[in-house]
Amino acid sequence: DAIAAAFPQLSGLKPARLWAGWIDSTPDAVP
């Protein structure tokens, strides 16, 4: 909905694939 509101030309987009992950982090966000 946010994409369609901001970019009317993309209002026809449909979801194709959905996934999630675990982002491994350090206290200062530097590896």
PDB file of all heavy atoms in Angstrom:
ATOM      1  N   ASP A   1       0.828  -1.204   0.000  1.00  0.00           N
ATOM      2  CA  ASP A   1       0.000   0.000   0.000  1.00  0.00           C
ATOM      3  C   ASP A   1       0.864   1.257   0.000  1.00  0.00           C
ATOM      4  O   ASP A   1       0.559   2.234  -0.705  1.00  0.00           O
ATOM      5  CB  ASP A   1      -0.929   0.002   1.227  1.00  0.00           C
ATOM      6  CG  ASP A   1      -1.992  -1.082   1.162  1.00  0.00           C
ATOM      7  OD1 ASP A   1      -2.222  -1.631   0.060  1.00  0.00           O
ATOM      8  OD2 ASP A   1      -2.581  -1.392   2.218  1.00  0.00           O
ATOM      9  N   ALA A   2       1.953   1.222   0.791  1.00  0.00           N
ATOM     10  CA  ALA A   2       2.857   2.370   0.845  1.00  0.00           C
ATOM     11  C   ALA A   2       3.553   2.580  -0.497  1.00  0.00           C
ATOM     12  O   ALA A   2       3.732   3.721  -0.947  1.00  0.00           O
ATOM     13  CB  ALA A   2       3.892   2.179   1.953  1.00  0.00           C
ATOM     14  N   ILE A   3       3.923   1.482  -1.159  1.00  0.00           N
ATOM     15  CA  ILE A   3       4.546   1.591  -2.479  1.00  0.00           C
ATOM     16  C   ILE A   3       3.572   2.188  -3.484  1.00  0.00           C
ATOM     17  O   ILE A   3       3.916   3.094  -4.255  1.00  0.00           O
ATOM     18  CB  ILE A   3       5.032   0.201  -2.955  1.00  0.00           C
ATOM     19  CG1 ILE A   3       6.190  -0.290  -2.085  1.00  0.00           C
ATOM     20  CG2 ILE A   3       5.462   0.256  -4.424  1.00  0.00           C
ATOM     21  CD1 ILE A   3       6.555  -1.738  -2.319  1.00  0.00           C
ATOM     22  N   ALA A   4       2.343   1.690  -3.478  1.00  0.00           N
ATOM     23  CA  ALA A   4       1.341   2.184  -4.425  1.00  0.00           C
ATOM     24  C   ALA A   4       1.033   3.651  -4.205  1.00  0.00           C
ATOM     25  O   ALA A   4       0.814   4.410  -5.153  1.00  0.00           O
ATOM     26  CB  ALA A   4       0.074   1.350  -4.319  1.00  0.00           C
ATOM     27  N   ALA A   5       1.026   4.089  -2.924  1.00  0.00           N
ATOM     28  CA  ALA A   5       0.757   5.491  -2.624  1.00  0.00           C
ATOM     29  C   ALA A   5       1.900   6.387  -3.077  1.00  0.00           C
ATOM     30  O   ALA A   5       1.681   7.488  -3.595  1.00  0.00           O
ATOM     31  CB  ALA A   5       0.507   5.662  -1.127  1.00  0.00           C
ATOM     32  N   ALA A   6       3.130   5.904  -2.886  1.00  0.00           N
ATOM     33  CA  ALA A   6       4.287   6.715  -3.245  1.00  0.00           C
ATOM     34  C   ALA A   6       4.609   6.637  -4.732  1.00  0.00           C
ATOM     35  O   ALA A   6       4.990   7.641  -5.352  1.00  0.00           O
ATOM     36  CB  ALA A   6       5.500   6.268  -2.428  1.00  0.00           C
ATOM     37  N   PHE A   7       4.457   5.441  -5.306  1.00  0.00           N
ATOM     38  CA  PHE A   7       4.796   5.203  -6.711  1.00  0.00           C
ATOM     39  C   PHE A   7       3.555   4.635  -7.420  1.00  0.00           C
ATOM     40  O   PHE A   7       3.416   3.410  -7.531  1.00  0.00           O
ATOM     41  CB  PHE A   7       5.947   4.203  -6.841  1.00  0.00           C
ATOM     42  CG  PHE A   7       7.223   4.592  -6.155  1.00  0.00           C
ATOM     43  CD1 PHE A   7       7.472   4.193  -4.845  1.00  0.00           C
ATOM     44  CD2 PHE A   7       8.189   5.338  -6.816  1.00  0.00           C
ATOM     45  CE1 PHE A   7       8.652   4.535  -4.211  1.00  0.00           C
ATOM     46  CE2 PHE A   7       9.382   5.685  -6.188  1.00  0.00           C
ATOM     47  CZ  PHE A   7       9.612   5.293  -4.886  1.00  0.00           C
ATOM     48  N   PRO A   8       2.639   5.469  -7.877  1.00  0.00           N
ATOM     49  CA  PRO A   8       1.414   4.951  -8.512  1.00  0.00           C
ATOM     50  C   PRO A   8       1.685   3.986  -9.656  1.00  0.00           C
ATOM     51  O   PRO A   8       0.899   3.063  -9.901  1.00  0.00           O
ATOM     52  CB  PRO A   8       0.724   6.231  -9.008  1.00  0.00           C
ATOM     53  CG  PRO A   8       1.233   7.310  -8.115  1.00  0.00           C
ATOM     54  CD  PRO A   8       2.651   6.937  -7.797  1.00  0.00           C
ATOM     55  N   GLN A   9       2.810   4.169 -10.351  1.00  0.00           N
ATOM     56  CA  GLN A   9       3.137   3.287 -11.462  1.00  0.00           C
ATOM     57  C   GLN A   9       3.436   1.861 -10.999  1.00  0.00           C
ATOM     58  O   GLN A   9       3.477   0.936 -11.818  1.00  0.00           O
ATOM     59  CB  GLN A   9       4.309   3.852 -12.275  1.00  0.00           C
ATOM     60  CG  GLN A   9       5.618   4.000 -11.512  1.00  0.00           C
ATOM     61  CD  GLN A   9       5.771   5.326 -10.789  1.00  0.00           C
ATOM     62  OE1 GLN A   9       4.887   5.728 -10.037  1.00  0.00           O
ATOM     63  NE2 GLN A   9       6.889   6.002 -11.022  1.00  0.00           N
ATOM     64  N   LEU A  10       3.635   1.658  -9.683  1.00  0.00           N
ATOM     65  CA  LEU A  10       3.922   0.324  -9.135  1.00  0.00           C
ATOM     66  C   LEU A  10       2.711  -0.256  -8.402  1.00  0.00           C
ATOM     67  O   LEU A  10       2.843  -1.244  -7.668  1.00  0.00           O
ATOM     68  CB  LEU A  10       5.118   0.389  -8.177  1.00  0.00           C
ATOM     69  CG  LEU A  10       6.452   0.811  -8.797  1.00  0.00           C
ATOM     70  CD1 LEU A  10       7.556   0.806  -7.733  1.00  0.00           C
ATOM     71  CD2 LEU A  10       6.840  -0.101  -9.957  1.00  0.00           C
ATOM     72  N   SER A  11       1.547   0.314  -8.608  1.00  0.00           N
ATOM     73  CA  SER A  11       0.366  -0.141  -7.872  1.00  0.00           C
ATOM     74  C   SER A  11      -0.048  -1.565  -8.229  1.00  0.00           C
ATOM     75  O   SER A  11      -0.806  -2.193  -7.491  1.00  0.00           O
ATOM     76  CB  SER A  11      -0.805   0.814  -8.111  1.00  0.00           C
ATOM     77  OG  SER A  11      -1.122   0.873  -9.498  1.00  0.00           O
ATOM     78  N   GLY A  12       0.463  -2.099  -9.347  1.00  0.00           N
ATOM     79  CA  GLY A  12       0.112  -3.459  -9.729  1.00  0.00           C
ATOM     80  C   GLY A  12       1.039  -4.531  -9.186  1.00  0.00           C
ATOM     81  O   GLY A  12       0.840  -5.723  -9.456  1.00  0.00           O
ATOM     82  N   LEU A  13       2.034  -4.160  -8.399  1.00  0.00           N
ATOM     83  CA  LEU A  13       2.958  -5.166  -7.858  1.00  0.00           C
ATOM     84  C   LEU A  13       2.239  -6.141  -6.939  1.00  0.00           C
ATOM     85  O   LEU A  13       1.373  -5.753  -6.145  1.00  0.00           O
ATOM     86  CB  LEU A  13       4.087  -4.484  -7.078  1.00  0.00           C
ATOM     87  CG  LEU A  13       5.123  -3.667  -7.858  1.00  0.00           C
ATOM     88  CD1 LEU A  13       6.169  -3.126  -6.897  1.00  0.00           C
ATOM     89  CD2 LEU A  13       5.786  -4.505  -8.950  1.00  0.00           C
ATOM     90  N   LYS A  14       2.632  -7.407  -7.037  1.00  0.00           N
ATOM     91  CA  LYS A  14       2.108  -8.445  -6.156  1.00  0.00           C
ATOM     92  C   LYS A  14       3.280  -9.099  -5.422  1.00  0.00           C
ATOM     93  O   LYS A  14       4.396  -9.169  -5.951  1.00  0.00           O
ATOM     94  CB  LYS A  14       1.355  -9.516  -6.949  1.00  0.00           C
ATOM     95  CG  LYS A  14       0.208  -8.981  -7.785  1.00  0.00           C
ATOM     96  CD  LYS A  14      -0.904  -8.420  -6.928  1.00  0.00           C
ATOM     97  CE  LYS A  14      -2.068  -7.961  -7.794  1.00  0.00           C
ATOM     98  NZ  LYS A  14      -3.128  -7.310  -6.991  1.00  0.00           N
ATOM     99  N   PRO A  15       3.057  -9.626  -4.225  1.00  0.00           N
ATOM    100  CA  PRO A  15       4.126 -10.356  -3.542  1.00  0.00           C
ATOM    101  C   PRO A  15       4.397 -11.678  -4.245  1.00  0.00           C
ATOM    102  O   PRO A  15       3.470 -12.374  -4.666  1.00  0.00           O
ATOM    103  CB  PRO A  15       3.581 -10.566  -2.138  1.00  0.00           C
ATOM    104  CG  PRO A  15       2.093 -10.510  -2.293  1.00  0.00           C
ATOM    105  CD  PRO A  15       1.826  -9.554  -3.413  1.00  0.00           C
ATOM    106  N   ALA A  16       5.669 -12.016  -4.396  1.00  0.00           N
ATOM    107  CA  ALA A  16       6.050 -13.270  -5.046  1.00  0.00           C
ATOM    108  C   ALA A  16       6.677 -14.254  -4.058  1.00  0.00           C
ATOM    109  O   ALA A  16       6.350 -15.438  -4.064  1.00  0.00           O
ATOM    110  CB  ALA A  16       7.022 -12.994  -6.192  1.00  0.00           C
ATOM    111  N   ARG A  17       7.601 -13.773  -3.230  1.00  0.00           N
ATOM    112  CA  ARG A  17       8.273 -14.630  -2.248  1.00  0.00           C
ATOM    113  C   ARG A  17       8.460 -13.833  -0.963  1.00  0.00           C
ATOM    114  O   ARG A  17       8.760 -12.640  -0.992  1.00  0.00           O
ATOM    115  CB  ARG A  17       9.644 -15.097  -2.768  1.00  0.00           C
ATOM    116  CG  ARG A  17       9.580 -15.919  -4.038  1.00  0.00           C
ATOM    117  CD  ARG A  17      10.957 -16.421  -4.456  1.00  0.00           C
ATOM    118  NE  ARG A  17      11.947 -15.361  -4.589  1.00  0.00           N
ATOM    119  CZ  ARG A  17      12.071 -14.576  -5.655  1.00  0.00           C
ATOM    120  NH1 ARG A  17      11.261 -14.738  -6.696  1.00  0.00           N
ATOM    121  NH2 ARG A  17      12.994 -13.644  -5.708  1.00  0.00           N
ATOM    122  N   LEU A  18       8.330 -14.513   0.148  1.00  0.00           N
ATOM    123  CA  LEU A  18       8.438 -13.891   1.466  1.00  0.00           C
ATOM    124  C   LEU A  18       9.388 -14.721   2.311  1.00  0.00           C
ATOM    125  O   LEU A  18       9.299 -15.943   2.325  1.00  0.00           O
ATOM    126  CB  LEU A  18       7.054 -13.839   2.133  1.00  0.00           C
ATOM    127  CG  LEU A  18       6.981 -13.399   3.592  1.00  0.00           C
ATOM    128  CD1 LEU A  18       7.230 -11.901   3.718  1.00  0.00           C
ATOM    129  CD2 LEU A  18       5.606 -13.759   4.179  1.00  0.00           C
ATOM    130  N   TRP A  19      10.299 -14.070   3.023  1.00  0.00           N
ATOM    131  CA  TRP A  19      11.207 -14.814   3.885  1.00  0.00           C
ATOM    132  C   TRP A  19      11.716 -13.920   5.002  1.00  0.00           C
ATOM    133  O   TRP A  19      11.487 -12.711   5.012  1.00  0.00           O
ATOM    134  CB  TRP A  19      12.378 -15.407   3.092  1.00  0.00           C
ATOM    135  CG  TRP A  19      13.305 -14.396   2.474  1.00  0.00           C
ATOM    136  CD1 TRP A  19      14.453 -13.890   3.022  1.00  0.00           C
ATOM    137  CD2 TRP A  19      13.170 -13.772   1.189  1.00  0.00           C
ATOM    138  NE1 TRP A  19      15.039 -13.000   2.154  1.00  0.00           N
ATOM    139  CE2 TRP A  19      14.277 -12.912   1.025  1.00  0.00           C
ATOM    140  CE3 TRP A  19      12.232 -13.873   0.156  1.00  0.00           C
ATOM    141  CZ2 TRP A  19      14.457 -12.145  -0.127  1.00  0.00           C
ATOM    142  CZ3 TRP A  19      12.412 -13.105  -0.982  1.00  0.00           C
ATOM    143  CH2 TRP A  19      13.517 -12.260  -1.120  1.00  0.00           C
ATOM    144  N   ALA A  20      12.413 -14.520   5.935  1.00  0.00           N
ATOM    145  CA  ALA A  20      12.981 -13.784   7.069  1.00  0.00           C
ATOM    146  C   ALA A  20      14.360 -14.336   7.369  1.00  0.00           C
ATOM    147  O   ALA A  20      14.738 -15.414   6.911  1.00  0.00           O
ATOM    148  CB  ALA A  20      12.083 -13.898   8.293  1.00  0.00           C
ATOM    149  N   GLY A  21      15.112 -13.586   8.143  1.00  0.00           N
ATOM    150  CA  GLY A  21      16.447 -14.017   8.536  1.00  0.00           C
ATOM    151  C   GLY A  21      16.805 -13.484   9.899  1.00  0.00           C
ATOM    152  O   GLY A  21      16.102 -12.647  10.478  1.00  0.00           O
ATOM    153  N   TRP A  22      17.911 -14.005  10.403  1.00  0.00           N
ATOM    154  CA  TRP A  22      18.455 -13.535  11.679  1.00  0.00           C
ATOM    155  C   TRP A  22      19.743 -12.770  11.396  1.00  0.00           C
ATOM    156  O   TRP A  22      20.699 -13.316  10.868  1.00  0.00           O
ATOM    157  CB  TRP A  22      18.737 -14.713  12.611  1.00  0.00           C
ATOM    158  CG  TRP A  22      17.509 -15.361  13.162  1.00  0.00           C
ATOM    159  CD1 TRP A  22      16.970 -16.552  12.769  1.00  0.00           C
ATOM    160  CD2 TRP A  22      16.664 -14.858  14.188  1.00  0.00           C
ATOM    161  NE1 TRP A  22      15.836 -16.825  13.490  1.00  0.00           N
ATOM    162  CE2 TRP A  22      15.613 -15.799  14.380  1.00  0.00           C
ATOM    163  CE3 TRP A  22      16.665 -13.699  14.981  1.00  0.00           C
ATOM    164  CZ2 TRP A  22      14.608 -15.624  15.318  1.00  0.00           C
ATOM    165  CZ3 TRP A  22      15.654 -13.519  15.913  1.00  0.00           C
ATOM    166  CH2 TRP A  22      14.645 -14.480  16.074  1.00  0.00           C
ATOM    167  N   ILE A  23      19.754 -11.486  11.725  1.00  0.00           N
ATOM    168  CA  ILE A  23      20.908 -10.615  11.478  1.00  0.00           C
ATOM    169  C   ILE A  23      21.827 -10.675  12.689  1.00  0.00           C
ATOM    170  O   ILE A  23      21.460 -10.239  13.786  1.00  0.00           O
ATOM    171  CB  ILE A  23      20.443  -9.166  11.238  1.00  0.00           C
ATOM    172  CG1 ILE A  23      19.514  -9.102  10.023  1.00  0.00           C
ATOM    173  CG2 ILE A  23      21.635  -8.245  11.059  1.00  0.00           C
ATOM    174  CD1 ILE A  23      18.825  -7.761   9.867  1.00  0.00           C
ATOM    175  N   ASP A  24      23.017 -11.234  12.520  1.00  0.00           N
ATOM    176  CA  ASP A  24      23.949 -11.338  13.642  1.00  0.00           C
ATOM    177  C   ASP A  24      24.673 -10.009  13.825  1.00  0.00           C
ATOM    178  O   ASP A  24      25.214  -9.441  12.887  1.00  0.00           O
ATOM    179  CB  ASP A  24      24.926 -12.481  13.447  1.00  0.00           C
ATOM    180  CG  ASP A  24      25.872 -12.291  12.280  1.00  0.00           C
ATOM    181  OD1 ASP A  24      25.384 -12.148  11.137  1.00  0.00           O
ATOM    182  OD2 ASP A  24      27.092 -12.264  12.510  1.00  0.00           O
ATOM    183  N   SER A  25      24.653  -9.508  15.058  1.00  0.00           N
ATOM    184  CA  SER A  25      25.133  -8.161  15.334  1.00  0.00           C
ATOM    185  C   SER A  25      26.145  -8.147  16.462  1.00  0.00           C
ATOM    186  O   SER A  25      26.157  -9.029  17.329  1.00  0.00           O
ATOM    187  CB  SER A  25      23.955  -7.256  15.711  1.00  0.00           C
ATOM    188  OG  SER A  25      22.983  -7.225  14.678  1.00  0.00           O
ATOM    189  N   THR A  26      26.975  -7.101  16.459  1.00  0.00           N
ATOM    190  CA  THR A  26      27.895  -6.822  17.555  1.00  0.00           C
ATOM    191  C   THR A  26      27.434  -5.553  18.264  1.00  0.00           C
ATOM    192  O   THR A  26      26.614  -4.797  17.727  1.00  0.00           O
ATOM    193  CB  THR A  26      29.328  -6.625  17.042  1.00  0.00           C
ATOM    194  OG1 THR A  26      29.362  -5.466  16.189  1.00  0.00           O
ATOM    195  CG2 THR A  26      29.818  -7.849  16.285  1.00  0.00           C
ATOM    196  N   PRO A  27      27.946  -5.269  19.463  1.00  0.00           N
ATOM    197  CA  PRO A  27      27.487  -4.082  20.194  1.00  0.00           C
ATOM    198  C   PRO A  27      27.711  -2.767  19.463  1.00  0.00           C
ATOM    199  O   PRO A  27      26.938  -1.820  19.646  1.00  0.00           O
ATOM    200  CB  PRO A  27      28.293  -4.142  21.494  1.00  0.00           C
ATOM    201  CG  PRO A  27      28.561  -5.590  21.696  1.00  0.00           C
ATOM    202  CD  PRO A  27      28.788  -6.138  20.315  1.00  0.00           C
ATOM    203  N   ASP A  28      28.751  -2.660  18.639  1.00  0.00           N
ATOM    204  CA  ASP A  28      29.001  -1.412  17.920  1.00  0.00           C
ATOM    205  C   ASP A  28      28.650  -1.510  16.437  1.00  0.00           C
ATOM    206  O   ASP A  28      28.936  -0.600  15.658  1.00  0.00           O
ATOM    207  CB  ASP A  28      30.445  -0.955  18.087  1.00  0.00           C
ATOM    208  CG  ASP A  28      31.474  -1.959  17.569  1.00  0.00           C
ATOM    209  OD1 ASP A  28      31.066  -3.043  17.084  1.00  0.00           O
ATOM    210  OD2 ASP A  28      32.676  -1.667  17.644  1.00  0.00           O
ATOM    211  N   ALA A  29      28.009  -2.619  16.038  1.00  0.00           N
ATOM    212  CA  ALA A  29      27.550  -2.840  14.655  1.00  0.00           C
ATOM    213  C   ALA A  29      28.695  -2.839  13.651  1.00  0.00           C
ATOM    214  O   ALA A  29      28.486  -2.585  12.467  1.00  0.00           O
ATOM    215  CB  ALA A  29      26.487  -1.821  14.251  1.00  0.00           C
ATOM    216  N   VAL A  30      29.888  -3.147  14.093  1.00  0.00           N
ATOM    217  CA  VAL A  30      31.060  -3.300  13.232  1.00  0.00           C
ATOM    218  C   VAL A  30      31.525  -4.747  13.373  1.00  0.00           C
ATOM    219  O   VAL A  30      31.552  -5.293  14.480  1.00  0.00           O
ATOM    220  CB  VAL A  30      32.180  -2.314  13.630  1.00  0.00           C
ATOM    221  CG1 VAL A  30      33.483  -2.615  12.906  1.00  0.00           C
ATOM    222  CG2 VAL A  30      31.733  -0.876  13.329  1.00  0.00           C
ATOM    223  N   PRO A  31      31.887  -5.406  12.278  1.00  0.00           N
ATOM    224  CA  PRO A  31      32.215  -6.835  12.365  1.00  0.00           C
ATOM    225  C   PRO A  31      33.512  -7.119  13.102  1.00  0.00           C
ATOM    226  O   PRO A  31      34.350  -6.225  13.312  1.00  0.00           O
ATOM    227  CB  PRO A  31      32.329  -7.248  10.894  1.00  0.00           C
ATOM    228  CG  PRO A  31      32.695  -5.993  10.171  1.00  0.00           C
ATOM    229  CD  PRO A  31      31.963  -4.900  10.885  1.00  0.00           C
TER     230      PRO A  31
END
